[in-house]
Amino acid sequence: GLDPHISPAAALYQAPRIARLRGLAPQQLVDLVGQHTEQPLLFGLIGEPRVNVLALNLALDAAHGR
């Protein structure tokens, strides 16, 4: 199956392209990535920060007026 998360670095790498395609300011997309980044489990001891791609895409749709 597909992993519904990506790393914050991967999301930010794509941010300029996605912002341009969605008609958003780059900083607006960076802010949305930050808002949809989940922290590691158990007080930050297990796992890595990750971006919830589904939630981010829904927020992008809402910001874009879809």
C-alpha atoms as a PDB file:
ATOM      1  CA  GLY A   1       0.000   0.000   0.000  1.00  0.00           C
ATOM      2  CA  LEU A   2       0.863   3.638  -0.123  1.00  0.00           C
ATOM      3  CA  ASP A   3       2.232   5.382   2.922  1.00  0.00           C
ATOM      4  CA  PRO A   4      -0.039   8.338   3.792  1.00  0.00           C
ATOM      5  CA  HIS A   5       2.934  10.279   5.186  1.00  0.00           C
ATOM      6  CA  ILE A   6       6.123  11.831   3.848  1.00  0.00           C
ATOM      7  CA  SER A   7       9.008  13.510   5.621  1.00  0.00           C
ATOM      8  CA  PRO A   8       8.851  17.268   6.199  1.00  0.00           C
ATOM      9  CA  ALA A   9      11.999  17.585   4.067  1.00  0.00           C
ATOM     10  CA  ALA A  10      10.283  15.821   1.152  1.00  0.00           C
ATOM     11  CA  ALA A  11       7.215  18.060   1.499  1.00  0.00           C
ATOM     12  CA  LEU A  12       9.304  21.239   1.641  1.00  0.00           C
ATOM     13  CA  TYR A  13      11.363  20.114  -1.364  1.00  0.00           C
ATOM     14  CA  GLN A  14       8.131  19.973  -3.385  1.00  0.00           C
ATOM     15  CA  ALA A  15       6.690  23.183  -1.899  1.00  0.00           C
ATOM     16  CA  PRO A  16       7.751  25.689  -4.618  1.00  0.00           C
ATOM     17  CA  ARG A  17       6.324  23.518  -7.400  1.00  0.00           C
ATOM     18  CA  ILE A  18       3.098  22.746  -5.549  1.00  0.00           C
ATOM     19  CA  ALA A  19       2.621  26.401  -4.541  1.00  0.00           C
ATOM     20  CA  ARG A  20       3.009  27.470  -8.155  1.00  0.00           C
ATOM     21  CA  LEU A  21       0.568  24.812  -9.407  1.00  0.00           C
ATOM     22  CA  ARG A  22      -1.978  25.626  -6.687  1.00  0.00           C
ATOM     23  CA  GLY A  23      -1.652  29.389  -7.102  1.00  0.00           C
ATOM     24  CA  LEU A  24      -0.477  29.895  -3.516  1.00  0.00           C
ATOM     25  CA  ALA A  25       2.312  31.946  -2.033  1.00  0.00           C
ATOM     26  CA  PRO A  26       5.265  29.677  -1.200  1.00  0.00           C
ATOM     27  CA  GLN A  27       5.184  30.732   2.471  1.00  0.00           C
ATOM     28  CA  GLN A  28       1.497  29.773   2.673  1.00  0.00           C
ATOM     29  CA  LEU A  29       2.385  26.248   1.584  1.00  0.00           C
ATOM     30  CA  VAL A  30       5.311  26.086   4.013  1.00  0.00           C
ATOM     31  CA  ASP A  31       2.928  27.116   6.804  1.00  0.00           C
ATOM     32  CA  LEU A  32       0.440  24.400   5.798  1.00  0.00           C
ATOM     33  CA  VAL A  33       3.205  21.793   5.792  1.00  0.00           C
ATOM     34  CA  GLY A  34       4.112  22.856   9.331  1.00  0.00           C
ATOM     35  CA  GLN A  35       0.489  22.640  10.439  1.00  0.00           C
ATOM     36  CA  HIS A  36       0.173  19.096   9.088  1.00  0.00           C
ATOM     37  CA  THR A  37       3.462  17.758  10.412  1.00  0.00           C
ATOM     38  CA  GLU A  38       2.950  15.126  13.094  1.00  0.00           C
ATOM     39  CA  GLN A  39       5.605  14.733  15.755  1.00  0.00           C
ATOM     40  CA  PRO A  40       7.240  11.402  16.682  1.00  0.00           C
ATOM     41  CA  LEU A  41       5.406   9.077  19.047  1.00  0.00           C
ATOM     42  CA  LEU A  42       6.045   8.740  22.785  1.00  0.00           C
ATOM     43  CA  PHE A  43       7.342  12.192  23.657  1.00  0.00           C
ATOM     44  CA  GLY A  44       9.465  12.394  20.522  1.00  0.00           C
ATOM     45  CA  LEU A  45      11.474   9.271  21.301  1.00  0.00           C
ATOM     46  CA  ILE A  46      10.147   6.876  18.677  1.00  0.00           C
ATOM     47  CA  GLY A  47       9.847   7.640  14.993  1.00  0.00           C
ATOM     48  CA  GLU A  48      10.421  10.713  12.901  1.00  0.00           C
ATOM     49  CA  PRO A  49       8.327  13.793  12.193  1.00  0.00           C
ATOM     50  CA  ARG A  50       6.017  13.130   9.263  1.00  0.00           C
ATOM     51  CA  VAL A  51       3.573  15.082   7.122  1.00  0.00           C
ATOM     52  CA  ASN A  52       0.041  13.720   6.829  1.00  0.00           C
ATOM     53  CA  VAL A  53      -0.367  13.924   3.052  1.00  0.00           C
ATOM     54  CA  LEU A  54      -4.146  13.409   3.028  1.00  0.00           C
ATOM     55  CA  ALA A  55      -4.762  16.180   5.566  1.00  0.00           C
ATOM     56  CA  LEU A  56      -2.341  18.485   3.746  1.00  0.00           C
ATOM     57  CA  ASN A  57      -4.045  17.871   0.387  1.00  0.00           C
ATOM     58  CA  LEU A  58      -7.455  18.599   1.931  1.00  0.00           C
ATOM     59  CA  ALA A  59      -6.096  21.845   3.383  1.00  0.00           C
ATOM     60  CA  LEU A  60      -4.606  22.755  -0.001  1.00  0.00           C
ATOM     61  CA  ASP A  61      -7.976  22.126  -1.666  1.00  0.00           C
ATOM     62  CA  ALA A  62      -9.671  24.379   0.903  1.00  0.00           C
ATOM     63  CA  ALA A  63      -7.040  27.114   0.483  1.00  0.00           C
ATOM     64  CA  HIS A  64      -7.384  26.933  -3.273  1.00  0.00           C
ATOM     65  CA  GLY A  65     -11.171  27.191  -3.073  1.00  0.00           C
ATOM     66  CA  ARG A  66     -12.029  23.728  -4.332  1.00  0.00           C
END
